[in-house]
C-alpha atoms as a PDB file:
ATOM      1  CA  MET A   1      20.787 188.613  37.446  1.00  0.00           C
ATOM      2  CA  SER A   2      22.736 185.477  36.624  1.00  0.00           C
ATOM      3  CA  ARG A   3      25.288 184.034  39.003  1.00  0.00           C
ATOM      4  CA  VAL A   4      28.712 184.881  37.556  1.00  0.00           C
ATOM      5  CA  ILE A   5      31.026 184.753  40.570  1.00  0.00           C
ATOM      6  CA  LEU A   6      33.222 181.678  40.294  1.00  0.00           C
ATOM      7  CA  GLU A   7      34.334 180.481  43.716  1.00  0.00           C
ATOM      8  CA  GLU A   8      36.140 177.355  42.563  1.00  0.00           C
ATOM      9  CA  MET A   9      36.859 175.663  39.245  1.00  0.00           C
ATOM     10  CA  ASN A  10      36.642 171.893  39.399  1.00  0.00           C
ATOM     11  CA  TYR A  11      38.862 169.457  37.523  1.00  0.00           C
ATOM     12  CA  ARG A  12      38.434 165.942  36.167  1.00  0.00           C
ATOM     13  CA  ASP A  13      40.783 163.280  34.839  1.00  0.00           C
ATOM     14  CA  LEU A  14      41.247 163.423  31.080  1.00  0.00           C
ATOM     15  CA  GLY A  15      41.143 159.726  30.358  1.00  0.00           C
ATOM     16  CA  ARG A  16      44.494 158.011  30.842  1.00  0.00           C
ATOM     17  CA  THR A  17      46.620 161.060  30.005  1.00  0.00           C
ATOM     18  CA  GLY A  18      47.397 161.938  33.609  1.00  0.00           C
ATOM     19  CA  TRP A  19      46.028 165.452  33.073  1.00  0.00           C
ATOM     20  CA  LYS A  20      43.321 166.948  35.217  1.00  0.00           C
ATOM     21  CA  VAL A  21      41.400 169.505  33.199  1.00  0.00           C
ATOM     22  CA  SER A  22      38.808 172.106  34.099  1.00  0.00           C
ATOM     23  CA  ASP A  23      35.320 170.647  33.794  1.00  0.00           C
ATOM     24  CA  ILE A  24      34.277 173.847  32.039  1.00  0.00           C
ATOM     25  CA  SER A  25      36.916 174.469  29.404  1.00  0.00           C
ATOM     26  CA  PHE A  26      37.132 176.733  26.363  1.00  0.00           C
ATOM     27  CA  GLY A  27      36.024 175.973  22.811  1.00  0.00           C
ATOM     28  CA  ALA A  28      37.946 178.174  20.368  1.00  0.00           C
ATOM     29  CA  TRP A  29      35.845 177.826  17.212  1.00  0.00           C
ATOM     30  CA  ALA A  30      34.138 181.198  17.628  1.00  0.00           C
ATOM     31  CA  ILE A  31      37.380 183.165  17.922  1.00  0.00           C
ATOM     32  CA  GLY A  32      38.440 181.738  14.577  1.00  0.00           C
ATOM     33  CA  GLY A  33      35.670 183.744  12.901  1.00  0.00           C
ATOM     34  CA  ALA A  34      32.973 181.235  11.894  1.00  0.00           C
ATOM     35  CA  TRP A  35      30.329 182.641  14.254  1.00  0.00           C
ATOM     36  CA  GLY A  36      30.181 186.223  13.101  1.00  0.00           C
ATOM     37  CA  SER A  37      32.842 188.911  13.187  1.00  0.00           C
ATOM     38  CA  VAL A  38      35.545 188.712  15.821  1.00  0.00           C
ATOM     39  CA  ASP A  39      38.215 191.074  17.054  1.00  0.00           C
ATOM     40  CA  ASP A  40      41.544 189.546  18.040  1.00  0.00           C
ATOM     41  CA  THR A  41      41.962 191.892  20.997  1.00  0.00           C
ATOM     42  CA  GLU A  42      38.582 190.880  22.374  1.00  0.00           C
ATOM     43  CA  SER A  43      39.285 187.223  21.617  1.00  0.00           C
ATOM     44  CA  LEU A  44      42.503 187.396  23.632  1.00  0.00           C
ATOM     45  CA  ALA A  45      40.570 189.088  26.427  1.00  0.00           C
ATOM     46  CA  ALA A  46      38.102 186.177  26.377  1.00  0.00           C
ATOM     47  CA  LEU A  47      40.935 183.652  26.464  1.00  0.00           C
ATOM     48  CA  ASN A  48      42.587 185.458  29.358  1.00  0.00           C
ATOM     49  CA  ALA A  49      39.280 185.578  31.216  1.00  0.00           C
ATOM     50  CA  ALA A  50      39.061 181.797  30.875  1.00  0.00           C
ATOM     51  CA  ILE A  51      42.527 181.322  32.367  1.00  0.00           C
ATOM     52  CA  ASP A  52      41.675 183.775  35.151  1.00  0.00           C
ATOM     53  CA  CYS A  53      38.668 181.574  35.963  1.00  0.00           C
ATOM     54  CA  GLY A  54      40.850 178.477  36.245  1.00  0.00           C
ATOM     55  CA  VAL A  55      40.374 177.020  32.769  1.00  0.00           C
ATOM     56  CA  ASN A  56      43.424 174.981  31.779  1.00  0.00           C
ATOM     57  CA  PHE A  57      42.139 173.211  28.657  1.00  0.00           C
ATOM     58  CA  ILE A  58      41.386 174.797  25.271  1.00  0.00           C
ATOM     59  CA  ASP A  59      39.974 173.030  22.237  1.00  0.00           C
ATOM     60  CA  THR A  60      40.689 174.382  18.765  1.00  0.00           C
ATOM     61  CA  ALA A  61      41.262 173.172  15.188  1.00  0.00           C
ATOM     62  CA  ASP A  62      43.440 174.064  12.247  1.00  0.00           C
ATOM     63  CA  VAL A  63      40.365 175.135  10.228  1.00  0.00           C
ATOM     64  CA  TYR A  64      39.103 177.606  12.826  1.00  0.00           C
ATOM     65  CA  GLY A  65      39.971 180.703  10.865  1.00  0.00           C
ATOM     66  CA  MET A  66      42.551 178.648   8.940  1.00  0.00           C
ATOM     67  CA  GLY A  67      45.052 178.873  11.778  1.00  0.00           C
ATOM     68  CA  ARG A  68      43.776 182.111  13.325  1.00  0.00           C
ATOM     69  CA  SER A  69      42.428 180.405  16.427  1.00  0.00           C
ATOM     70  CA  GLU A  70      45.611 178.388  16.928  1.00  0.00           C
ATOM     71  CA  ARG A  71      47.788 181.488  16.574  1.00  0.00           C
ATOM     72  CA  LEU A  72      45.733 183.389  19.152  1.00  0.00           C
ATOM     73  CA  ILE A  73      46.195 180.511  21.575  1.00  0.00           C
ATOM     74  CA  ALA A  74      49.946 180.587  20.916  1.00  0.00           C
ATOM     75  CA  GLN A  75      49.905 184.260  21.881  1.00  0.00           C
ATOM     76  CA  LEU A  76      47.968 183.433  25.037  1.00  0.00           C
ATOM     77  CA  LYS A  77      50.544 180.825  26.011  1.00  0.00           C
ATOM     78  CA  ARG A  78      53.337 183.331  25.528  1.00  0.00           C
ATOM     79  CA  ASP A  79      51.541 185.814  27.767  1.00  0.00           C
ATOM     80  CA  ARG A  80      50.568 183.452  30.597  1.00  0.00           C
ATOM     81  CA  LYS A  81      52.646 181.372  32.986  1.00  0.00           C
ATOM     82  CA  GLU A  82      49.935 178.842  33.855  1.00  0.00           C
ATOM     83  CA  GLU A  83      49.940 175.371  32.330  1.00  0.00           C
ATOM     84  CA  ILE A  84      47.495 175.406  29.424  1.00  0.00           C
ATOM     85  CA  ILE A  85      46.683 172.155  27.662  1.00  0.00           C
ATOM     86  CA  VAL A  86      45.693 172.641  24.030  1.00  0.00           C
ATOM     87  CA  ALA A  87      43.753 170.166  21.933  1.00  0.00           C
ATOM     88  CA  THR A  88      43.618 170.778  18.206  1.00  0.00           C
ATOM     89  CA  LYS A  89      42.048 168.872  15.335  1.00  0.00           C
ATOM     90  CA  ALA A  90      43.096 167.770  11.872  1.00  0.00           C
ATOM     91  CA  GLY A  91      41.363 166.611   8.721  1.00  0.00           C
ATOM     92  CA  ARG A  92      38.706 169.136   7.809  1.00  0.00           C
ATOM     93  CA  ARG A  93      41.067 171.028   5.552  1.00  0.00           C
ATOM     94  CA  LEU A  94      40.773 168.172   3.095  1.00  0.00           C
ATOM     95  CA  SER A  95      38.913 169.080  -0.081  1.00  0.00           C
ATOM     96  CA  PRO A  96      37.163 166.876  -0.909  1.00  0.00           C
ATOM     97  CA  HIS A  97      36.726 165.614   2.629  1.00  0.00           C
ATOM     98  CA  THR A  98      37.057 161.882   1.968  1.00  0.00           C
ATOM     99  CA  ALA A  99      38.349 158.874   3.871  1.00  0.00           C
ATOM    100  CA  ASP A 100      41.211 158.470   1.397  1.00  0.00           C
ATOM    101  CA  GLY A 101      42.461 161.926   2.344  1.00  0.00           C
ATOM    102  CA  TYR A 102      43.182 160.669   5.853  1.00  0.00           C
ATOM    103  CA  ASN A 103      46.608 159.278   5.049  1.00  0.00           C
ATOM    104  CA  GLU A 104      50.075 159.581   6.541  1.00  0.00           C
ATOM    105  CA  ARG A 105      51.248 162.320   4.216  1.00  0.00           C
ATOM    106  CA  ASN A 106      48.260 164.589   4.776  1.00  0.00           C
ATOM    107  CA  LEU A 107      48.027 164.046   8.510  1.00  0.00           C
ATOM    108  CA  THR A 108      51.724 164.670   8.976  1.00  0.00           C
ATOM    109  CA  GLY A 109      51.375 167.909   7.014  1.00  0.00           C
ATOM    110  CA  PHE A 110      48.429 169.037   9.123  1.00  0.00           C
ATOM    111  CA  VAL A 111      50.352 168.300  12.309  1.00  0.00           C
ATOM    112  CA  GLU A 112      53.359 170.276  11.106  1.00  0.00           C
ATOM    113  CA  ASP A 113      51.124 173.268  10.300  1.00  0.00           C
ATOM    114  CA  SER A 114      49.546 173.164  13.755  1.00  0.00           C
ATOM    115  CA  LEU A 115      52.978 172.930  15.363  1.00  0.00           C
ATOM    116  CA  ARG A 116      53.904 176.170  13.608  1.00  0.00           C
ATOM    117  CA  ASN A 117      50.617 177.899  14.407  1.00  0.00           C
ATOM    118  CA  LEU A 118      50.808 176.942  18.063  1.00  0.00           C
ATOM    119  CA  ALA A 119      54.538 177.728  18.242  1.00  0.00           C
ATOM    120  CA  THR A 120      55.434 174.439  19.889  1.00  0.00           C
ATOM    121  CA  ASP A 121      57.573 171.384  19.268  1.00  0.00           C
ATOM    122  CA  CYS A 122      54.920 168.904  20.393  1.00  0.00           C
ATOM    123  CA  LEU A 123      51.116 169.094  20.281  1.00  0.00           C
ATOM    124  CA  ASP A 124      49.330 168.108  23.486  1.00  0.00           C
ATOM    125  CA  LEU A 125      46.370 166.390  21.856  1.00  0.00           C
ATOM    126  CA  VAL A 126      45.394 165.961  18.212  1.00  0.00           C
ATOM    127  CA  GLN A 127      41.898 164.809  17.278  1.00  0.00           C
ATOM    128  CA  LEU A 128      40.693 163.527  13.936  1.00  0.00           C
ATOM    129  CA  HIS A 129      38.130 166.150  12.972  1.00  0.00           C
ATOM    130  CA  CYS A 130      34.817 164.371  12.355  1.00  0.00           C
ATOM    131  CA  PRO A 131      36.199 162.172   9.567  1.00  0.00           C
ATOM    132  CA  PRO A 132      33.995 160.023   7.326  1.00  0.00           C
ATOM    133  CA  THR A 133      32.837 156.866   9.066  1.00  0.00           C
ATOM    134  CA  ALA A 134      35.071 154.687   6.866  1.00  0.00           C
ATOM    135  CA  VAL A 135      38.159 156.181   8.539  1.00  0.00           C
ATOM    136  CA  TYR A 136      37.382 154.312  11.760  1.00  0.00           C
ATOM    137  CA  TYR A 137      37.766 151.033   9.876  1.00  0.00           C
ATOM    138  CA  ARG A 138      41.319 151.806   8.753  1.00  0.00           C
ATOM    139  CA  PRO A 139      43.701 150.669  11.486  1.00  0.00           C
ATOM    140  CA  GLU A 140      46.674 151.808   9.424  1.00  0.00           C
ATOM    141  CA  LEU A 141      45.587 155.406  10.015  1.00  0.00           C
ATOM    142  CA  PHE A 142      45.738 154.957  13.771  1.00  0.00           C
ATOM    143  CA  GLY A 143      49.155 153.417  13.218  1.00  0.00           C
ATOM    144  CA  THR A 144      50.162 156.711  11.592  1.00  0.00           C
ATOM    145  CA  LEU A 145      49.047 158.564  14.713  1.00  0.00           C
ATOM    146  CA  ASP A 146      51.051 156.154  16.864  1.00  0.00           C
ATOM    147  CA  ARG A 147      54.152 156.936  14.813  1.00  0.00           C
ATOM    148  CA  LEU A 148      53.584 160.669  15.224  1.00  0.00           C
ATOM    149  CA  VAL A 149      53.494 160.117  18.983  1.00  0.00           C
ATOM    150  CA  GLU A 150      56.700 158.071  18.797  1.00  0.00           C
ATOM    151  CA  ALA A 151      58.316 160.849  16.748  1.00  0.00           C
ATOM    152  CA  GLY A 152      57.513 163.374  19.486  1.00  0.00           C
ATOM    153  CA  LYS A 153      55.158 165.430  17.308  1.00  0.00           C
ATOM    154  CA  LEU A 154      52.192 164.882  19.611  1.00  0.00           C
ATOM    155  CA  ARG A 155      51.661 163.565  23.106  1.00  0.00           C
ATOM    156  CA  TYR A 156      48.244 162.003  22.692  1.00  0.00           C
ATOM    157  CA  TYR A 157      45.504 161.637  20.130  1.00  0.00           C
ATOM    158  CA  GLY A 158      41.756 161.255  20.046  1.00  0.00           C
ATOM    159  CA  VAL A 159      38.778 161.758  17.769  1.00  0.00           C
ATOM    160  CA  SER A 160      35.899 164.154  17.280  1.00  0.00           C
ATOM    161  CA  VAL A 161      32.837 162.304  16.050  1.00  0.00           C
ATOM    162  CA  GLU A 162      29.374 162.912  14.649  1.00  0.00           C
ATOM    163  CA  ARG A 163      27.783 159.600  15.668  1.00  0.00           C
ATOM    164  CA  VAL A 164      27.721 157.410  18.757  1.00  0.00           C
ATOM    165  CA  GLU A 165      28.595 154.403  16.612  1.00  0.00           C
ATOM    166  CA  GLU A 166      31.769 156.159  15.420  1.00  0.00           C
ATOM    167  CA  ALA A 167      32.722 156.814  19.031  1.00  0.00           C
ATOM    168  CA  LEU A 168      32.249 153.173  19.940  1.00  0.00           C
ATOM    169  CA  LYS A 169      34.381 152.062  17.004  1.00  0.00           C
ATOM    170  CA  ALA A 170      37.108 154.624  17.726  1.00  0.00           C
ATOM    171  CA  ILE A 171      37.729 153.463  21.279  1.00  0.00           C
ATOM    172  CA  GLU A 172      38.511 149.967  20.036  1.00  0.00           C
ATOM    173  CA  TYR A 173      41.914 151.442  19.137  1.00  0.00           C
ATOM    174  CA  PRO A 174      43.934 151.233  22.361  1.00  0.00           C
ATOM    175  CA  ASN A 175      45.700 154.587  22.071  1.00  0.00           C
ATOM    176  CA  VAL A 176      42.613 156.724  21.457  1.00  0.00           C
ATOM    177  CA  GLN A 177      42.623 158.815  24.610  1.00  0.00           C
ATOM    178  CA  THR A 178      39.646 161.110  24.063  1.00  0.00           C
ATOM    179  CA  VAL A 179      36.370 161.344  22.197  1.00  0.00           C
ATOM    180  CA  GLN A 180      34.713 164.652  21.451  1.00  0.00           C
ATOM    181  CA  ILE A 181      30.981 164.274  20.843  1.00  0.00           C
ATOM    182  CA  ILE A 182      27.889 166.481  20.835  1.00  0.00           C
ATOM    183  CA  PHE A 183      26.209 166.112  24.217  1.00  0.00           C
ATOM    184  CA  ASN A 184      23.699 168.498  25.739  1.00  0.00           C
ATOM    185  CA  CYS A 185      20.076 168.698  26.886  1.00  0.00           C
ATOM    186  CA  PHE A 186      19.013 168.317  23.229  1.00  0.00           C
ATOM    187  CA  ARG A 187      21.379 165.446  22.358  1.00  0.00           C
ATOM    188  CA  GLN A 188      21.202 162.763  25.048  1.00  0.00           C
ATOM    189  CA  ARG A 189      21.873 159.511  23.186  1.00  0.00           C
ATOM    190  CA  PRO A 190      25.619 159.328  24.057  1.00  0.00           C
ATOM    191  CA  ALA A 191      24.732 158.837  27.718  1.00  0.00           C
ATOM    192  CA  GLU A 192      22.675 155.751  26.873  1.00  0.00           C
ATOM    193  CA  LEU A 193      25.078 153.949  24.561  1.00  0.00           C
ATOM    194  CA  PHE A 194      28.576 155.327  24.849  1.00  0.00           C
ATOM    195  CA  PHE A 195      29.425 156.652  28.282  1.00  0.00           C
ATOM    196  CA  ALA A 196      29.630 153.293  30.056  1.00  0.00           C
ATOM    197  CA  GLN A 197      32.033 151.945  27.430  1.00  0.00           C
ATOM    198  CA  ALA A 198      34.186 155.074  27.583  1.00  0.00           C
ATOM    199  CA  ARG A 199      34.361 154.859  31.357  1.00  0.00           C
ATOM    200  CA  ARG A 200      35.332 151.187  31.191  1.00  0.00           C
ATOM    201  CA  ARG A 201      38.217 151.995  28.826  1.00  0.00           C
ATOM    202  CA  ARG A 202      39.139 155.204  30.708  1.00  0.00           C
ATOM    203  CA  VAL A 203      38.580 157.415  27.690  1.00  0.00           C
ATOM    204  CA  GLY A 204      38.091 161.136  28.204  1.00  0.00           C
ATOM    205  CA  ILE A 205      34.873 162.674  26.877  1.00  0.00           C
ATOM    206  CA  LEU A 206      34.744 166.247  25.624  1.00  0.00           C
ATOM    207  CA  ALA A 207      31.173 167.523  25.313  1.00  0.00           C
ATOM    208  CA  ARG A 208      31.085 169.694  22.210  1.00  0.00           C
ATOM    209  CA  VAL A 209      28.278 172.038  21.097  1.00  0.00           C
ATOM    210  CA  PRO A 210      27.228 172.074  24.774  1.00  0.00           C
ATOM    211  CA  LEU A 211      24.847 175.009  24.300  1.00  0.00           C
ATOM    212  CA  ALA A 212      23.334 173.762  21.025  1.00  0.00           C
ATOM    213  CA  SER A 213      24.864 176.573  18.946  1.00  0.00           C
ATOM    214  CA  GLY A 214      23.510 179.147  21.361  1.00  0.00           C
ATOM    215  CA  LEU A 215      19.957 177.861  21.724  1.00  0.00           C
ATOM    216  CA  LEU A 216      20.638 176.702  25.272  1.00  0.00           C
ATOM    217  CA  SER A 217      22.089 180.083  26.215  1.00  0.00           C
ATOM    218  CA  GLY A 218      18.490 181.260  26.324  1.00  0.00           C
ATOM    219  CA  LYS A 219      19.429 184.410  24.417  1.00  0.00           C
ATOM    220  CA  LEU A 220      18.139 183.499  20.942  1.00  0.00           C
ATOM    221  CA  THR A 221      14.645 184.402  19.772  1.00  0.00           C
ATOM    222  CA  ARG A 222      12.518 184.003  16.665  1.00  0.00           C
ATOM    223  CA  ASP A 223      13.797 187.415  15.613  1.00  0.00           C
ATOM    224  CA  SER A 224      17.490 186.672  16.099  1.00  0.00           C
ATOM    225  CA  GLU A 225      19.578 187.419  13.037  1.00  0.00           C
ATOM    226  CA  PHE A 226      22.985 185.964  12.258  1.00  0.00           C
ATOM    227  CA  ALA A 227      25.767 187.627  10.306  1.00  0.00           C
ATOM    228  CA  LYS A 228      26.496 186.384   6.812  1.00  0.00           C
ATOM    229  CA  ASP A 229      29.685 184.715   8.061  1.00  0.00           C
ATOM    230  CA  ASP A 230      27.986 183.138  11.096  1.00  0.00           C
ATOM    231  CA  HIS A 231      27.867 179.350  10.900  1.00  0.00           C
ATOM    232  CA  ARG A 232      24.331 179.307  12.302  1.00  0.00           C
ATOM    233  CA  GLN A 233      22.877 181.185   9.356  1.00  0.00           C
ATOM    234  CA  PHE A 234      23.511 178.201   7.103  1.00  0.00           C
ATOM    235  CA  ASN A 235      21.111 175.946   8.979  1.00  0.00           C
ATOM    236  CA  ARG A 236      18.462 178.235  10.435  1.00  0.00           C
ATOM    237  CA  HIS A 237      15.781 176.216   8.645  1.00  0.00           C
ATOM    238  CA  GLY A 238      17.456 172.813   8.553  1.00  0.00           C
ATOM    239  CA  GLU A 239      18.541 173.166   4.954  1.00  0.00           C
ATOM    240  CA  ALA A 240      22.292 172.652   5.345  1.00  0.00           C
ATOM    241  CA  PHE A 241      24.383 169.523   5.009  1.00  0.00           C
ATOM    242  CA  ASP A 242      25.474 169.822   8.642  1.00  0.00           C
ATOM    243  CA  VAL A 243      21.989 169.687  10.133  1.00  0.00           C
ATOM    244  CA  GLY A 244      23.365 167.403  12.842  1.00  0.00           C
ATOM    245  CA  GLU A 245      25.851 170.016  14.027  1.00  0.00           C
ATOM    246  CA  THR A 246      24.101 173.372  14.034  1.00  0.00           C
ATOM    247  CA  PHE A 247      21.554 173.675  16.848  1.00  0.00           C
ATOM    248  CA  SER A 248      22.371 170.016  17.600  1.00  0.00           C
ATOM    249  CA  GLY A 249      20.112 169.005  14.722  1.00  0.00           C
ATOM    250  CA  VAL A 250      17.038 170.425  16.427  1.00  0.00           C
ATOM    251  CA  ASP A 251      14.534 172.456  14.431  1.00  0.00           C
ATOM    252  CA  TYR A 252      15.042 176.073  15.465  1.00  0.00           C
ATOM    253  CA  GLU A 253      11.423 176.761  16.450  1.00  0.00           C
ATOM    254  CA  THR A 254      11.207 173.468  18.336  1.00  0.00           C
ATOM    255  CA  GLY A 255      14.393 174.349  20.168  1.00  0.00           C
ATOM    256  CA  LEU A 256      13.084 177.748  21.197  1.00  0.00           C
ATOM    257  CA  ALA A 257       9.917 176.191  22.600  1.00  0.00           C
ATOM    258  CA  ALA A 258      11.940 173.629  24.566  1.00  0.00           C
ATOM    259  CA  VAL A 259      14.180 176.380  25.952  1.00  0.00           C
ATOM    260  CA  GLU A 260      11.141 178.190  27.349  1.00  0.00           C
ATOM    261  CA  GLU A 261      10.162 175.007  29.197  1.00  0.00           C
ATOM    262  CA  ILE A 262      13.686 174.641  30.576  1.00  0.00           C
ATOM    263  CA  ARG A 263      13.692 178.285  31.655  1.00  0.00           C
ATOM    264  CA  ARG A 264      11.004 177.473  34.233  1.00  0.00           C
ATOM    265  CA  LEU A 265      13.439 175.116  35.954  1.00  0.00           C
ATOM    266  CA  LEU A 266      16.195 177.666  36.572  1.00  0.00           C
ATOM    267  CA  PRO A 267      17.157 178.230  40.201  1.00  0.00           C
ATOM    268  CA  ALA A 268      17.318 181.848  41.289  1.00  0.00           C
ATOM    269  CA  GLY A 269      20.429 183.627  40.051  1.00  0.00           C
ATOM    270  CA  VAL A 270      21.415 180.902  37.564  1.00  0.00           C
ATOM    271  CA  SER A 271      21.565 181.674  33.859  1.00  0.00           C
ATOM    272  CA  MET A 272      20.257 179.328  31.189  1.00  0.00           C
ATOM    273  CA  ALA A 273      23.795 178.647  29.934  1.00  0.00           C
ATOM    274  CA  GLN A 274      25.010 177.817  33.439  1.00  0.00           C
ATOM    275  CA  PHE A 275      22.070 175.462  33.976  1.00  0.00           C
ATOM    276  CA  ALA A 276      22.634 173.698  30.650  1.00  0.00           C
ATOM    277  CA  LEU A 277      26.348 173.279  31.349  1.00  0.00           C
ATOM    278  CA  ARG A 278      25.690 172.001  34.878  1.00  0.00           C
ATOM    279  CA  TRP A 279      23.319 169.430  33.391  1.00  0.00           C
ATOM    280  CA  ILE A 280      26.211 168.091  31.317  1.00  0.00           C
ATOM    281  CA  LEU A 281      28.476 167.908  34.366  1.00  0.00           C
ATOM    282  CA  MET A 282      25.894 165.793  36.185  1.00  0.00           C
ATOM    283  CA  HIS A 283      27.183 162.950  33.992  1.00  0.00           C
ATOM    284  CA  ASP A 284      30.361 161.692  35.619  1.00  0.00           C
ATOM    285  CA  ALA A 285      31.678 160.102  32.410  1.00  0.00           C
ATOM    286  CA  VAL A 286      32.081 163.562  30.876  1.00  0.00           C
ATOM    287  CA  THR A 287      35.511 165.081  31.404  1.00  0.00           C
ATOM    288  CA  CYS A 288      34.589 168.611  30.381  1.00  0.00           C
ATOM    289  CA  ALA A 289      32.203 170.762  28.413  1.00  0.00           C
ATOM    290  CA  ILE A 290      33.799 173.119  25.906  1.00  0.00           C
ATOM    291  CA  PRO A 291      31.509 176.122  25.378  1.00  0.00           C
ATOM    292  CA  GLY A 292      32.786 178.854  23.104  1.00  0.00           C
ATOM    293  CA  GLY A 293      33.079 182.482  24.011  1.00  0.00           C
ATOM    294  CA  LYS A 294      33.981 185.628  22.108  1.00  0.00           C
ATOM    295  CA  ARG A 295      33.681 188.013  25.059  1.00  0.00           C
ATOM    296  CA  PRO A 296      35.019 187.873  28.622  1.00  0.00           C
ATOM    297  CA  SER A 297      31.516 188.218  30.043  1.00  0.00           C
ATOM    298  CA  GLN A 298      30.381 185.091  28.188  1.00  0.00           C
ATOM    299  CA  VAL A 299      33.375 183.166  29.429  1.00  0.00           C
ATOM    300  CA  ARG A 300      32.889 184.148  33.052  1.00  0.00           C
ATOM    301  CA  ASP A 301      29.193 183.252  32.906  1.00  0.00           C
ATOM    302  CA  ASN A 302      30.001 179.825  31.447  1.00  0.00           C
ATOM    303  CA  CYS A 303      32.791 179.123  33.923  1.00  0.00           C
ATOM    304  CA  ALA A 304      30.510 179.799  36.887  1.00  0.00           C
ATOM    305  CA  ALA A 305      28.668 176.571  36.027  1.00  0.00           C
ATOM    306  CA  SER A 306      31.608 174.618  37.423  1.00  0.00           C
ATOM    307  CA  ASP A 307      30.803 175.350  41.063  1.00  0.00           C
ATOM    308  CA  LEU A 308      27.022 175.314  40.927  1.00  0.00           C
ATOM    309  CA  PRO A 309      25.420 172.778  43.254  1.00  0.00           C
ATOM    310  CA  PRO A 310      24.166 169.559  41.660  1.00  0.00           C
ATOM    311  CA  LEU A 311      20.822 169.744  39.905  1.00  0.00           C
ATOM    312  CA  SER A 312      17.932 168.100  41.705  1.00  0.00           C
ATOM    313  CA  GLU A 313      16.506 164.754  40.670  1.00  0.00           C
ATOM    314  CA  ALA A 314      13.292 166.594  39.804  1.00  0.00           C
ATOM    315  CA  ALA A 315      15.147 168.970  37.473  1.00  0.00           C
ATOM    316  CA  MET A 316      16.987 166.097  35.781  1.00  0.00           C
ATOM    317  CA  ALA A 317      13.713 164.250  35.303  1.00  0.00           C
ATOM    318  CA  ALA A 318      12.077 167.372  33.902  1.00  0.00           C
ATOM    319  CA  ILE A 319      14.867 167.821  31.348  1.00  0.00           C
ATOM    320  CA  ARG A 320      14.431 164.206  30.306  1.00  0.00           C
ATOM    321  CA  GLY A 321      10.708 164.772  29.917  1.00  0.00           C
ATOM    322  CA  ILE A 322      11.256 167.822  27.722  1.00  0.00           C
ATOM    323  CA  TYR A 323      13.716 165.847  25.613  1.00  0.00           C
ATOM    324  CA  ASP A 324      11.385 162.864  25.271  1.00  0.00           C
ATOM    325  CA  GLY A 325       8.389 165.030  24.503  1.00  0.00           C
ATOM    326  CA  ARG A 326       9.853 167.592  22.123  1.00  0.00           C
ATOM    327  CA  ILE A 327      13.280 166.554  20.871  1.00  0.00           C
ATOM    328  CA  ARG A 328      13.850 162.794  20.836  1.00  0.00           C
ATOM    329  CA  ALA A 329      11.818 161.919  17.751  1.00  0.00           C
ATOM    330  CA  SER A 330      13.807 164.231  15.498  1.00  0.00           C
ATOM    331  CA  VAL A 331      17.360 163.533  16.713  1.00  0.00           C
ATOM    332  CA  HIS A 332      17.752 160.435  18.867  1.00  0.00           C
ATOM    333  CA  GLN A 333      18.277 157.762  16.235  1.00  0.00           C
ATOM    334  CA  ARG A 334      20.162 159.980  13.791  1.00  0.00           C
ATOM    335  CA  TRP A 335      23.421 160.386  15.688  1.00  0.00           C
END
């Protein structure tokens, strides 16, 4: 049986914002409806379970259910008295999704929509949502974000990126407070090239896709089936445009084989998801991991990773060996 009793949630500084956020936080993509069917009552139960566990940071986006996720979080904030910091994202509603679409008019419109969805006068944190690489070479866009801060529409801003090089470019802009990047046992390159620079500039790091789209939960098998509206169905065989996102860009069968190797490393009473999340937290540059959860039981299991003891040097070395032997060749230089 996995260890699900959370004794203490731990908190880390979110860059230069002055906020301390739970090192296991909540990713709200799934409750928007892109990972199979969801029920709003159950989604709210999952959100409340996160707050009960000590989570105080939620990551969402305007495209997660086209506002559905944001509106559920607004309901949560009405129901709870605790301070809840909400990060949302803007840009992926653009069609076509081009660098030219990232302009003052569009971004201001996206911010206004999120303000309404989240029922607030000022957004805590807005992140550019994996924009085309060319966006990072347009300082006027970051000037637009500065003006939105000055206008009181948002407190801080950051970016969500696909590539390490985009992250490095983004933090050249002095008011970028956070970078959200894929980081997990199957995607280790950020630790080599980016983390030291982020730490030097005191930039918060949000580890997204921390369980590799569910592979690192240890619950997927060769026979797993995904609903027609589940994001993972579109890249089961590496055929989709977002191969770098789903399953962290790892071939599904390769990922399953690597998971079975990792499973041998689990301490007694620790679930695969908890182990994978604790591996992320072994990297001090990371502010928090943001696993998703559609059910309270998932959320509680994930949150329990926060107070697990540190992984041993032998376990960390073994994970690196699995990565080098099975995963590195197919993903390391791509992102």
